[in-house]
Amino acid sequence: MINSRNIDDLHPTVAALCHKWLAGCADAGIGVLITSTYRDADYQNSLYAEGRTSKGKIVTNARAGQSYHNYRMAFDFVPMVKGKPAWADMELIEKCGVIGEHVGLEWAGRWQGKFRESLHLQYSGGLSLADLQSGRTLPSIDPPTE
């Protein structure tokens, strides 16, 4: 099972946006830790099982193939304060999300509905999950500029 934290495992366009986001966070005085980039199908299914068929709380509604992580187009993060993860600092998390939006990423903290993911950023390039499931891929292009 693979749950990478390596930015180089992201699609090149998304990796470039991630680096821009990291620089923006640094400029704002916010340290961040990337907690997940690419996830393989087995790992995604194990996450989906949490709170359903295995112990724990539900952490995702996405099975394998239903997450942009599976296509190298999403990453999760946590802001760091004094060297420790600030999982519940919603003000700091929102600042990170807004910086992500500023560089061209979609921040899942703005999602409407039941399941928001405040620590998740992604770039779809206009491709839906159905597009990706049918074999379409994100072209390697320069990321959007400000």
Foldseek 3Di string as FASTA:
>chain_A
DDFDQDLVLAQVQLSVLVVQLCVVCVVVVWAKGWDGFADAQVVQQVLCCDCPVDDHNRDDPDHGLQDVSNQRFKTFMFIDDPRHGPNPPLVSLVVSQVSSVQSPWHAQCPDDDDDGDSRMIGHDVPDHSVNVVVPDHDDPDHHDGD
